[in-house]
Amino acid sequence: MKTKLLLGISAVVLSAAAFFPRNAEGQPAPAPKGPVEAPIGLDCVITVETQAWMNTSNAPPDSITGFHPDFTVRGKAIYWGSDWVVLKDGTYENWISRDKVLSVRVSR
């Protein structure tokens, strides 16, 4: 009787322990929350709203994969203000309104 009771309590304790989060040993610390630095001078891919998109069918596809996603602009960030983001792509500057930016991917 005592053995069955002890096994039952052990099973309850072990199953309860499986549902509680454990300390993540060896995991990197989470990124600090707060203001994010503007990626000035870094290569970026910016996704813009579909309504803000101008058809740039003359743009060549990516030289490595041959893929050029719609609604994205690539280049090096040279200005990041409260109203505009400016990406330089070769001799071209792409001025993008900040309220039309959906996501930014940065290469460090």
PDB file of N, CA and C in Angstrom:
ATOM      1  N   MET A   1       0.816  -1.193   0.000  1.00  0.00           N
ATOM      2  CA  MET A   1       0.000   0.000   0.000  1.00  0.00           C
ATOM      3  C   MET A   1       0.862   1.260   0.000  1.00  0.00           C
ATOM      4  N   LYS A   2       1.873   1.243   0.877  1.00  0.00           N
ATOM      5  CA  LYS A   2       2.761   2.402   0.949  1.00  0.00           C
ATOM      6  C   LYS A   2       3.530   2.580  -0.362  1.00  0.00           C
ATOM      7  N   THR A   3       3.859   1.471  -1.006  1.00  0.00           N
ATOM      8  CA  THR A   3       4.597   1.538  -2.262  1.00  0.00           C
ATOM      9  C   THR A   3       3.742   2.173  -3.356  1.00  0.00           C
ATOM     10  N   LYS A   4       2.473   1.809  -3.426  1.00  0.00           N
ATOM     11  CA  LYS A   4       1.582   2.388  -4.427  1.00  0.00           C
ATOM     12  C   LYS A   4       1.376   3.866  -4.172  1.00  0.00           C
ATOM     13  N   LEU A   5       1.242   4.241  -2.916  1.00  0.00           N
ATOM     14  CA  LEU A   5       1.070   5.652  -2.563  1.00  0.00           C
ATOM     15  C   LEU A   5       2.319   6.447  -2.915  1.00  0.00           C
ATOM     16  N   LEU A   6       3.478   5.893  -2.611  1.00  0.00           N
ATOM     17  CA  LEU A   6       4.743   6.555  -2.920  1.00  0.00           C
ATOM     18  C   LEU A   6       4.936   6.684  -4.438  1.00  0.00           C
ATOM     19  N   LEU A   7       4.586   5.642  -5.192  1.00  0.00           N
ATOM     20  CA  LEU A   7       4.678   5.711  -6.653  1.00  0.00           C
ATOM     21  C   LEU A   7       3.701   6.734  -7.228  1.00  0.00           C
ATOM     22  N   GLY A   8       2.507   6.812  -6.657  1.00  0.00           N
ATOM     23  CA  GLY A   8       1.521   7.784  -7.126  1.00  0.00           C
ATOM     24  C   GLY A   8       1.977   9.211  -6.889  1.00  0.00           C
ATOM     25  N   ILE A   9       2.510   9.477  -5.706  1.00  0.00           N
ATOM     26  CA  ILE A   9       3.008  10.825  -5.391  1.00  0.00           C
ATOM     27  C   ILE A   9       4.198  11.167  -6.274  1.00  0.00           C
ATOM     28  N   SER A  10       5.085  10.207  -6.496  1.00  0.00           N
ATOM     29  CA  SER A  10       6.246  10.442  -7.368  1.00  0.00           C
ATOM     30  C   SER A  10       5.804  10.766  -8.788  1.00  0.00           C
ATOM     31  N   ALA A  11       4.800  10.068  -9.271  1.00  0.00           N
ATOM     32  CA  ALA A  11       4.304  10.324 -10.628  1.00  0.00           C
ATOM     33  C   ALA A  11       3.699  11.714 -10.733  1.00  0.00           C
ATOM     34  N   VAL A  12       2.965  12.137  -9.711  1.00  0.00           N
ATOM     35  CA  VAL A  12       2.364  13.477  -9.719  1.00  0.00           C
ATOM     36  C   VAL A  12       3.449  14.550  -9.692  1.00  0.00           C
ATOM     37  N   VAL A  13       4.462  14.360  -8.860  1.00  0.00           N
ATOM     38  CA  VAL A  13       5.548  15.343  -8.755  1.00  0.00           C
ATOM     39  C   VAL A  13       6.321  15.424 -10.065  1.00  0.00           C
ATOM     40  N   LEU A  14       6.639  14.301 -10.662  1.00  0.00           N
ATOM     41  CA  LEU A  14       7.384  14.307 -11.929  1.00  0.00           C
ATOM     42  C   LEU A  14       6.578  14.909 -13.065  1.00  0.00           C
ATOM     43  N   SER A  15       5.296  14.611 -13.129  1.00  0.00           N
ATOM     44  CA  SER A  15       4.485  15.191 -14.205  1.00  0.00           C
ATOM     45  C   SER A  15       4.299  16.691 -13.999  1.00  0.00           C
ATOM     46  N   ALA A  16       4.183  17.131 -12.756  1.00  0.00           N
ATOM     47  CA  ALA A  16       4.066  18.576 -12.491  1.00  0.00           C
ATOM     48  C   ALA A  16       5.359  19.290 -12.847  1.00  0.00           C
ATOM     49  N   ALA A  17       6.495  18.664 -12.589  1.00  0.00           N
ATOM     50  CA  ALA A  17       7.789  19.279 -12.907  1.00  0.00           C
ATOM     51  C   ALA A  17       7.971  19.442 -14.413  1.00  0.00           C
ATOM     52  N   ALA A  18       7.346  18.588 -15.187  1.00  0.00           N
ATOM     53  CA  ALA A  18       7.472  18.682 -16.643  1.00  0.00           C
ATOM     54  C   ALA A  18       6.766  19.911 -17.194  1.00  0.00           C
ATOM     55  N   PHE A  19       5.770  20.430 -16.492  1.00  0.00           N
ATOM     56  CA  PHE A  19       5.011  21.571 -16.993  1.00  0.00           C
ATOM     57  C   PHE A  19       5.558  22.917 -16.545  1.00  0.00           C
ATOM     58  N   PHE A  20       6.458  22.946 -15.596  1.00  0.00           N
ATOM     59  CA  PHE A  20       7.015  24.204 -15.122  1.00  0.00           C
ATOM     60  C   PHE A  20       8.288  24.517 -15.894  1.00  0.00           C
ATOM     61  N   PRO A  21       8.494  25.786 -16.249  1.00  0.00           N
ATOM     62  CA  PRO A  21       9.699  26.135 -17.005  1.00  0.00           C
ATOM     63  C   PRO A  21      10.955  25.941 -16.158  1.00  0.00           C
ATOM     64  N   ARG A  22      11.989  25.529 -16.819  1.00  0.00           N
ATOM     65  CA  ARG A  22      13.271  25.324 -16.147  1.00  0.00           C
ATOM     66  C   ARG A  22      14.214  26.456 -16.500  1.00  0.00           C
ATOM     67  N   ASN A  23      15.221  26.621 -15.712  1.00  0.00           N
ATOM     68  CA  ASN A  23      16.250  27.606 -15.990  1.00  0.00           C
ATOM     69  C   ASN A  23      17.024  27.179 -17.232  1.00  0.00           C
ATOM     70  N   ALA A  24      17.137  28.052 -18.201  1.00  0.00           N
ATOM     71  CA  ALA A  24      17.802  27.730 -19.464  1.00  0.00           C
ATOM     72  C   ALA A  24      19.308  27.910 -19.298  1.00  0.00           C
ATOM     73  N   GLU A  25      19.991  26.826 -19.001  1.00  0.00           N
ATOM     74  CA  GLU A  25      21.436  26.886 -18.847  1.00  0.00           C
ATOM     75  C   GLU A  25      22.097  26.819 -20.209  1.00  0.00           C
ATOM     76  N   GLY A  26      23.117  27.630 -20.395  1.00  0.00           N
ATOM     77  CA  GLY A  26      23.847  27.630 -21.650  1.00  0.00           C
ATOM     78  C   GLY A  26      23.165  28.404 -22.760  1.00  0.00           C
ATOM     79  N   GLN A  27      22.022  29.015 -22.507  1.00  0.00           N
ATOM     80  CA  GLN A  27      21.309  29.802 -23.511  1.00  0.00           C
ATOM     81  C   GLN A  27      21.799  31.244 -23.460  1.00  0.00           C
ATOM     82  N   PRO A  28      21.871  31.918 -24.610  1.00  0.00           N
ATOM     83  CA  PRO A  28      22.275  33.325 -24.591  1.00  0.00           C
ATOM     84  C   PRO A  28      21.216  34.172 -23.891  1.00  0.00           C
ATOM     85  N   ALA A  29      21.672  35.255 -23.313  1.00  0.00           N
ATOM     86  CA  ALA A  29      20.760  36.165 -22.625  1.00  0.00           C
ATOM     87  C   ALA A  29      19.816  36.798 -23.645  1.00  0.00           C
ATOM     88  N   PRO A  30      18.578  37.072 -23.270  1.00  0.00           N
ATOM     89  CA  PRO A  30      17.656  37.710 -24.205  1.00  0.00           C
ATOM     90  C   PRO A  30      18.133  39.116 -24.559  1.00  0.00           C
ATOM     91  N   ALA A  31      17.758  39.551 -25.744  1.00  0.00           N
ATOM     92  CA  ALA A  31      18.138  40.887 -26.197  1.00  0.00           C
ATOM     93  C   ALA A  31      17.503  41.936 -25.298  1.00  0.00           C
ATOM     94  N   PRO A  32      18.228  42.994 -24.981  1.00  0.00           N
ATOM     95  CA  PRO A  32      17.651  44.034 -24.127  1.00  0.00           C
ATOM     96  C   PRO A  32      16.523  44.758 -24.851  1.00  0.00           C
ATOM     97  N   LYS A  33      15.498  45.098 -24.112  1.00  0.00           N
ATOM     98  CA  LYS A  33      14.380  45.834 -24.694  1.00  0.00           C
ATOM     99  C   LYS A  33      14.655  47.323 -24.553  1.00  0.00           C
ATOM    100  N   GLY A  34      14.241  48.062 -25.549  1.00  0.00           N
ATOM    101  CA  GLY A  34      14.447  49.501 -25.530  1.00  0.00           C
ATOM    102  C   GLY A  34      14.599  50.015 -26.943  1.00  0.00           C
ATOM    103  N   PRO A  35      15.108  51.230 -27.075  1.00  0.00           N
ATOM    104  CA  PRO A  35      15.251  51.808 -28.415  1.00  0.00           C
ATOM    105  C   PRO A  35      16.240  50.999 -29.262  1.00  0.00           C
ATOM    106  N   VAL A  36      15.941  50.923 -30.545  1.00  0.00           N
ATOM    107  CA  VAL A  36      16.772  50.183 -31.485  1.00  0.00           C
ATOM    108  C   VAL A  36      17.599  51.180 -32.287  1.00  0.00           C
ATOM    109  N   GLU A  37      18.867  50.840 -32.513  1.00  0.00           N
ATOM    110  CA  GLU A  37      19.740  51.712 -33.299  1.00  0.00           C
ATOM    111  C   GLU A  37      19.368  51.655 -34.775  1.00  0.00           C
ATOM    112  N   ALA A  38      19.469  52.786 -35.439  1.00  0.00           N
ATOM    113  CA  ALA A  38      19.251  52.822 -36.884  1.00  0.00           C
ATOM    114  C   ALA A  38      20.432  52.134 -37.571  1.00  0.00           C
ATOM    115  N   PRO A  39      20.182  51.332 -38.599  1.00  0.00           N
ATOM    116  CA  PRO A  39      21.255  50.571 -39.251  1.00  0.00           C
ATOM    117  C   PRO A  39      22.024  51.377 -40.295  1.00  0.00           C
ATOM    118  N   ILE A  40      22.512  52.541 -39.913  1.00  0.00           N
ATOM    119  CA  ILE A  40      23.235  53.397 -40.859  1.00  0.00           C
ATOM    120  C   ILE A  40      24.525  52.703 -41.301  1.00  0.00           C
ATOM    121  N   GLY A  41      24.749  52.671 -42.619  1.00  0.00           N
ATOM    122  CA  GLY A  41      25.946  52.078 -43.179  1.00  0.00           C
ATOM    123  C   GLY A  41      25.872  50.576 -43.368  1.00  0.00           C
ATOM    124  N   LEU A  42      24.744  49.959 -43.028  1.00  0.00           N
ATOM    125  CA  LEU A  42      24.591  48.510 -43.159  1.00  0.00           C
ATOM    126  C   LEU A  42      23.679  48.174 -44.336  1.00  0.00           C
ATOM    127  N   ASP A  43      23.885  46.994 -44.915  1.00  0.00           N
ATOM    128  CA  ASP A  43      23.027  46.527 -46.006  1.00  0.00           C
ATOM    129  C   ASP A  43      21.669  46.138 -45.448  1.00  0.00           C
ATOM    130  N   CYS A  44      20.601  46.611 -46.092  1.00  0.00           N
ATOM    131  CA  CYS A  44      19.237  46.378 -45.615  1.00  0.00           C
ATOM    132  C   CYS A  44      18.348  45.898 -46.747  1.00  0.00           C
ATOM    133  N   VAL A  45      17.326  45.151 -46.363  1.00  0.00           N
ATOM    134  CA  VAL A  45      16.219  44.815 -47.249  1.00  0.00           C
ATOM    135  C   VAL A  45      14.972  45.305 -46.533  1.00  0.00           C
ATOM    136  N   ILE A  46      14.255  46.241 -47.155  1.00  0.00           N
ATOM    137  CA  ILE A  46      13.069  46.834 -46.542  1.00  0.00           C
ATOM    138  C   ILE A  46      11.844  46.379 -47.319  1.00  0.00           C
ATOM    139  N   THR A  47      10.857  45.893 -46.597  1.00  0.00           N
ATOM    140  CA  THR A  47       9.573  45.531 -47.190  1.00  0.00           C
ATOM    141  C   THR A  47       8.626  46.694 -46.993  1.00  0.00           C
ATOM    142  N   VAL A  48       7.986  47.129 -48.080  1.00  0.00           N
ATOM    143  CA  VAL A  48       7.080  48.273 -48.017  1.00  0.00           C
ATOM    144  C   VAL A  48       5.646  47.821 -48.279  1.00  0.00           C
ATOM    145  N   GLU A  49       4.696  48.656 -47.911  1.00  0.00           N
ATOM    146  CA  GLU A  49       3.278  48.376 -48.159  1.00  0.00           C
ATOM    147  C   GLU A  49       3.029  48.223 -49.648  1.00  0.00           C
ATOM    148  N   THR A  50       2.086  47.385 -49.992  1.00  0.00           N
ATOM    149  CA  THR A  50       1.799  47.151 -51.405  1.00  0.00           C
ATOM    150  C   THR A  50       1.255  48.394 -52.097  1.00  0.00           C
ATOM    151  N   GLN A  51       0.523  49.235 -51.381  1.00  0.00           N
ATOM    152  CA  GLN A  51      -0.022  50.456 -51.985  1.00  0.00           C
ATOM    153  C   GLN A  51       1.080  51.465 -52.285  1.00  0.00           C
ATOM    154  N   ALA A  52       2.207  51.369 -51.582  1.00  0.00           N
ATOM    155  CA  ALA A  52       3.301  52.320 -51.782  1.00  0.00           C
ATOM    156  C   ALA A  52       4.263  51.852 -52.861  1.00  0.00           C
ATOM    157  N   TRP A  53       4.057  50.643 -53.355  1.00  0.00           N
ATOM    158  CA  TRP A  53       5.005  50.051 -54.292  1.00  0.00           C
ATOM    159  C   TRP A  53       4.869  50.644 -55.683  1.00  0.00           C
ATOM    160  N   MET A  54       6.016  51.001 -56.266  1.00  0.00           N
ATOM    161  CA  MET A  54       6.057  51.430 -57.664  1.00  0.00           C
ATOM    162  C   MET A  54       6.648  50.273 -58.454  1.00  0.00           C
ATOM    163  N   ASN A  55       6.079  49.957 -59.583  1.00  0.00           N
ATOM    164  CA  ASN A  55       6.542  48.823 -60.375  1.00  0.00           C
ATOM    165  C   ASN A  55       7.949  49.079 -60.879  1.00  0.00           C
ATOM    166  N   THR A  56       8.892  48.277 -60.395  1.00  0.00           N
ATOM    167  CA  THR A  56      10.283  48.403 -60.834  1.00  0.00           C
ATOM    168  C   THR A  56      10.701  47.111 -61.512  1.00  0.00           C
ATOM    169  N   SER A  57       9.997  46.768 -62.585  1.00  0.00           N
ATOM    170  CA  SER A  57      10.267  45.510 -63.273  1.00  0.00           C
ATOM    171  C   SER A  57      11.644  45.508 -63.932  1.00  0.00           C
ATOM    172  N   ASN A  58      12.295  46.683 -64.072  1.00  0.00           N
ATOM    173  CA  ASN A  58      13.623  46.741 -64.668  1.00  0.00           C
ATOM    174  C   ASN A  58      14.705  46.296 -63.695  1.00  0.00           C
ATOM    175  N   ALA A  59      14.360  46.161 -62.417  1.00  0.00           N
ATOM    176  CA  ALA A  59      15.351  45.750 -61.426  1.00  0.00           C
ATOM    177  C   ALA A  59      15.757  44.307 -61.683  1.00  0.00           C
ATOM    178  N   PRO A  60      17.066  44.037 -61.724  1.00  0.00           N
ATOM    179  CA  PRO A  60      17.500  42.663 -61.992  1.00  0.00           C
ATOM    180  C   PRO A  60      17.261  41.783 -60.764  1.00  0.00           C
ATOM    181  N   PRO A  61      17.069  40.486 -60.981  1.00  0.00           N
ATOM    182  CA  PRO A  61      16.924  39.574 -59.845  1.00  0.00           C
ATOM    183  C   PRO A  61      18.255  39.407 -59.124  1.00  0.00           C
ATOM    184  N   ASP A  62      18.212  38.826 -57.952  1.00  0.00           N
ATOM    185  CA  ASP A  62      19.403  38.575 -57.162  1.00  0.00           C
ATOM    186  C   ASP A  62      20.396  37.753 -57.978  1.00  0.00           C
ATOM    187  N   SER A  63      21.663  38.163 -57.983  1.00  0.00           N
ATOM    188  CA  SER A  63      22.654  37.503 -58.830  1.00  0.00           C
ATOM    189  C   SER A  63      22.973  36.087 -58.374  1.00  0.00           C
ATOM    190  N   ILE A  64      22.774  35.783 -57.097  1.00  0.00           N
ATOM    191  CA  ILE A  64      23.102  34.439 -56.607  1.00  0.00           C
ATOM    192  C   ILE A  64      21.936  33.484 -56.799  1.00  0.00           C
ATOM    193  N   THR A  65      20.748  33.879 -56.347  1.00  0.00           N
ATOM    194  CA  THR A  65      19.606  32.962 -56.393  1.00  0.00           C
ATOM    195  C   THR A  65      18.686  33.208 -57.572  1.00  0.00           C
ATOM    196  N   GLY A  66      18.754  34.392 -58.167  1.00  0.00           N
ATOM    197  CA  GLY A  66      17.842  34.729 -59.253  1.00  0.00           C
ATOM    198  C   GLY A  66      16.475  35.158 -58.765  1.00  0.00           C
ATOM    199  N   PHE A  67      16.316  35.309 -57.469  1.00  0.00           N
ATOM    200  CA  PHE A  67      15.020  35.654 -56.880  1.00  0.00           C
ATOM    201  C   PHE A  67      14.998  37.125 -56.486  1.00  0.00           C
ATOM    202  N   HIS A  68      13.928  37.816 -56.849  1.00  0.00           N
ATOM    203  CA  HIS A  68      13.742  39.215 -56.462  1.00  0.00           C
ATOM    204  C   HIS A  68      12.338  39.356 -55.878  1.00  0.00           C
ATOM    205  N   PRO A  69      12.210  39.391 -54.558  1.00  0.00           N
ATOM    206  CA  PRO A  69      10.872  39.445 -53.962  1.00  0.00           C
ATOM    207  C   PRO A  69      10.161  40.756 -54.257  1.00  0.00           C
ATOM    208  N   ASP A  70       8.860  40.667 -54.428  1.00  0.00           N
ATOM    209  CA  ASP A  70       8.066  41.875 -54.645  1.00  0.00           C
ATOM    210  C   ASP A  70       8.009  42.695 -53.366  1.00  0.00           C
ATOM    211  N   PHE A  71       7.788  43.955 -53.530  1.00  0.00           N
ATOM    212  CA  PHE A  71       7.578  44.884 -52.425  1.00  0.00           C
ATOM    213  C   PHE A  71       8.789  45.004 -51.507  1.00  0.00           C
ATOM    214  N   THR A  72       9.996  44.792 -52.026  1.00  0.00           N
ATOM    215  CA  THR A  72      11.201  44.987 -51.228  1.00  0.00           C
ATOM    216  C   THR A  72      12.133  45.951 -51.926  1.00  0.00           C
ATOM    217  N   VAL A  73      12.917  46.648 -51.124  1.00  0.00           N
ATOM    218  CA  VAL A  73      13.942  47.566 -51.616  1.00  0.00           C
ATOM    219  C   VAL A  73      15.232  47.197 -50.909  1.00  0.00           C
ATOM    220  N   ARG A  74      16.324  47.092 -51.676  1.00  0.00           N
ATOM    221  CA  ARG A  74      17.617  46.728 -51.105  1.00  0.00           C
ATOM    222  C   ARG A  74      18.589  47.878 -51.235  1.00  0.00           C
ATOM    223  N   GLY A  75      19.537  47.918 -50.323  1.00  0.00           N
ATOM    224  CA  GLY A  75      20.592  48.904 -50.409  1.00  0.00           C
ATOM    225  C   GLY A  75      21.245  49.140 -49.061  1.00  0.00           C
ATOM    226  N   LYS A  76      22.183  50.071 -49.039  1.00  0.00           N
ATOM    227  CA  LYS A  76      22.888  50.445 -47.815  1.00  0.00           C
ATOM    228  C   LYS A  76      22.177  51.649 -47.219  1.00  0.00           C
ATOM    229  N   ALA A  77      21.826  51.555 -45.946  1.00  0.00           N
ATOM    230  CA  ALA A  77      21.112  52.654 -45.278  1.00  0.00           C
ATOM    231  C   ALA A  77      22.061  53.830 -45.096  1.00  0.00           C
ATOM    232  N   ILE A  78      21.695  54.980 -45.676  1.00  0.00           N
ATOM    233  CA  ILE A  78      22.524  56.172 -45.516  1.00  0.00           C
ATOM    234  C   ILE A  78      21.826  57.251 -44.694  1.00  0.00           C
ATOM    235  N   TYR A  79      20.515  57.122 -44.508  1.00  0.00           N
ATOM    236  CA  TYR A  79      19.776  58.067 -43.669  1.00  0.00           C
ATOM    237  C   TYR A  79      18.583  57.359 -43.061  1.00  0.00           C
ATOM    238  N   TRP A  80      18.328  57.616 -41.781  1.00  0.00           N
ATOM    239  CA  TRP A  80      17.200  57.007 -41.078  1.00  0.00           C
ATOM    240  C   TRP A  80      16.605  58.084 -40.191  1.00  0.00           C
ATOM    241  N   GLY A  81      15.590  58.769 -40.685  1.00  0.00           N
ATOM    242  CA  GLY A  81      14.979  59.861 -39.938  1.00  0.00           C
ATOM    243  C   GLY A  81      13.585  59.511 -39.464  1.00  0.00           C
ATOM    244  N   SER A  82      12.916  60.497 -38.885  1.00  0.00           N
ATOM    245  CA  SER A  82      11.563  60.258 -38.381  1.00  0.00           C
ATOM    246  C   SER A  82      10.544  60.186 -39.516  1.00  0.00           C
ATOM    247  N   ASP A  83      10.857  60.763 -40.671  1.00  0.00           N
ATOM    248  CA  ASP A  83       9.927  60.757 -41.803  1.00  0.00           C
ATOM    249  C   ASP A  83      10.374  59.864 -42.956  1.00  0.00           C
ATOM    250  N   TRP A  84      11.696  59.752 -43.176  1.00  0.00           N
ATOM    251  CA  TRP A  84      12.207  59.058 -44.344  1.00  0.00           C
ATOM    252  C   TRP A  84      13.317  58.083 -43.984  1.00  0.00           C
ATOM    253  N   VAL A  85      13.422  57.038 -44.814  1.00  0.00           N
ATOM    254  CA  VAL A  85      14.544  56.111 -44.795  1.00  0.00           C
ATOM    255  C   VAL A  85      15.156  56.194 -46.184  1.00  0.00           C
ATOM    256  N   VAL A  86      16.477  56.320 -46.267  1.00  0.00           N
ATOM    257  CA  VAL A  86      17.139  56.411 -47.567  1.00  0.00           C
ATOM    258  C   VAL A  86      18.120  55.251 -47.692  1.00  0.00           C
ATOM    259  N   LEU A  87      17.927  54.455 -48.770  1.00  0.00           N
ATOM    260  CA  LEU A  87      18.836  53.367 -49.088  1.00  0.00           C
ATOM    261  C   LEU A  87      19.582  53.702 -50.363  1.00  0.00           C
ATOM    262  N   LYS A  88      20.892  53.494 -50.363  1.00  0.00           N
ATOM    263  CA  LYS A  88      21.705  53.740 -51.552  1.00  0.00           C
ATOM    264  C   LYS A  88      22.004  52.397 -52.203  1.00  0.00           C
ATOM    265  N   ASP A  89      21.638  52.286 -53.474  1.00  0.00           N
ATOM    266  CA  ASP A  89      21.868  51.073 -54.250  1.00  0.00           C
ATOM    267  C   ASP A  89      22.652  51.473 -55.490  1.00  0.00           C
ATOM    268  N   GLY A  90      23.965  51.311 -55.429  1.00  0.00           N
ATOM    269  CA  GLY A  90      24.821  51.757 -56.529  1.00  0.00           C
ATOM    270  C   GLY A  90      24.806  53.274 -56.592  1.00  0.00           C
ATOM    271  N   THR A  91      24.340  53.822 -57.731  1.00  0.00           N
ATOM    272  CA  THR A  91      24.253  55.275 -57.864  1.00  0.00           C
ATOM    273  C   THR A  91      22.852  55.795 -57.561  1.00  0.00           C
ATOM    274  N   TYR A  92      21.932  54.890 -57.196  1.00  0.00           N
ATOM    275  CA  TYR A  92      20.550  55.276 -56.925  1.00  0.00           C
ATOM    276  C   TYR A  92      20.315  55.440 -55.434  1.00  0.00           C
ATOM    277  N   GLU A  93      19.464  56.403 -55.081  1.00  0.00           N
ATOM    278  CA  GLU A  93      18.995  56.566 -53.712  1.00  0.00           C
ATOM    279  C   GLU A  93      17.500  56.310 -53.694  1.00  0.00           C
ATOM    280  N   ASN A  94      17.063  55.416 -52.842  1.00  0.00           N
ATOM    281  CA  ASN A  94      15.641  55.119 -52.688  1.00  0.00           C
ATOM    282  C   ASN A  94      15.156  55.772 -51.404  1.00  0.00           C
ATOM    283  N   TRP A  95      14.289  56.761 -51.537  1.00  0.00           N
ATOM    284  CA  TRP A  95      13.698  57.452 -50.395  1.00  0.00           C
ATOM    285  C   TRP A  95      12.366  56.773 -50.096  1.00  0.00           C
ATOM    286  N   ILE A  96      12.236  56.252 -48.892  1.00  0.00           N
ATOM    287  CA  ILE A  96      11.050  55.502 -48.499  1.00  0.00           C
ATOM    288  C   ILE A  96      10.425  56.192 -47.297  1.00  0.00           C
ATOM    289  N   SER A  97       9.143  56.451 -47.388  1.00  0.00           N
ATOM    290  CA  SER A  97       8.426  57.061 -46.271  1.00  0.00           C
ATOM    291  C   SER A  97       8.380  56.074 -45.114  1.00  0.00           C
ATOM    292  N   ARG A  98       8.702  56.538 -43.901  1.00  0.00           N
ATOM    293  CA  ARG A  98       8.757  55.643 -42.736  1.00  0.00           C
ATOM    294  C   ARG A  98       7.411  54.981 -42.454  1.00  0.00           C
ATOM    295  N   ASP A  99       6.301  55.661 -42.754  1.00  0.00           N
ATOM    296  CA  ASP A  99       4.994  55.067 -42.466  1.00  0.00           C
ATOM    297  C   ASP A  99       4.621  53.960 -43.458  1.00  0.00           C
ATOM    298  N   LYS A 100       5.414  53.753 -44.508  1.00  0.00           N
ATOM    299  CA  LYS A 100       5.165  52.686 -45.485  1.00  0.00           C
ATOM    300  C   LYS A 100       6.063  51.473 -45.259  1.00  0.00           C
ATOM    301  N   VAL A 101       6.993  51.562 -44.297  1.00  0.00           N
ATOM    302  CA  VAL A 101       7.917  50.460 -44.019  1.00  0.00           C
ATOM    303  C   VAL A 101       7.215  49.414 -43.160  1.00  0.00           C
ATOM    304  N   LEU A 102       7.190  48.164 -43.649  1.00  0.00           N
ATOM    305  CA  LEU A 102       6.585  47.075 -42.890  1.00  0.00           C
ATOM    306  C   LEU A 102       7.623  46.305 -42.082  1.00  0.00           C
ATOM    307  N   SER A 103       8.772  46.026 -42.701  1.00  0.00           N
ATOM    308  CA  SER A 103       9.825  45.296 -41.987  1.00  0.00           C
ATOM    309  C   SER A 103      11.188  45.676 -42.558  1.00  0.00           C
ATOM    310  N   VAL A 104      12.215  45.459 -41.747  1.00  0.00           N
ATOM    311  CA  VAL A 104      13.582  45.762 -42.145  1.00  0.00           C
ATOM    312  C   VAL A 104      14.447  44.552 -41.797  1.00  0.00           C
ATOM    313  N   ARG A 105      15.228  44.117 -42.762  1.00  0.00           N
ATOM    314  CA  ARG A 105      16.193  43.039 -42.527  1.00  0.00           C
ATOM    315  C   ARG A 105      17.583  43.613 -42.727  1.00  0.00           C
ATOM    316  N   VAL A 106      18.437  43.472 -41.720  1.00  0.00           N
ATOM    317  CA  VAL A 106      19.759  44.100 -41.729  1.00  0.00           C
ATOM    318  C   VAL A 106      20.833  43.026 -41.740  1.00  0.00           C
ATOM    319  N   SER A 107      21.857  43.255 -42.560  1.00  0.00           N
ATOM    320  CA  SER A 107      23.016  42.351 -42.613  1.00  0.00           C
ATOM    321  C   SER A 107      24.172  43.032 -41.909  1.00  0.00           C
ATOM    322  N   ARG A 108      24.672  42.399 -40.872  1.00  0.00           N
ATOM    323  CA  ARG A 108      25.798  42.977 -40.107  1.00  0.00           C
ATOM    324  C   ARG A 108      27.094  42.342 -40.474  1.00  0.00           C
TER     325      ARG A 108
END
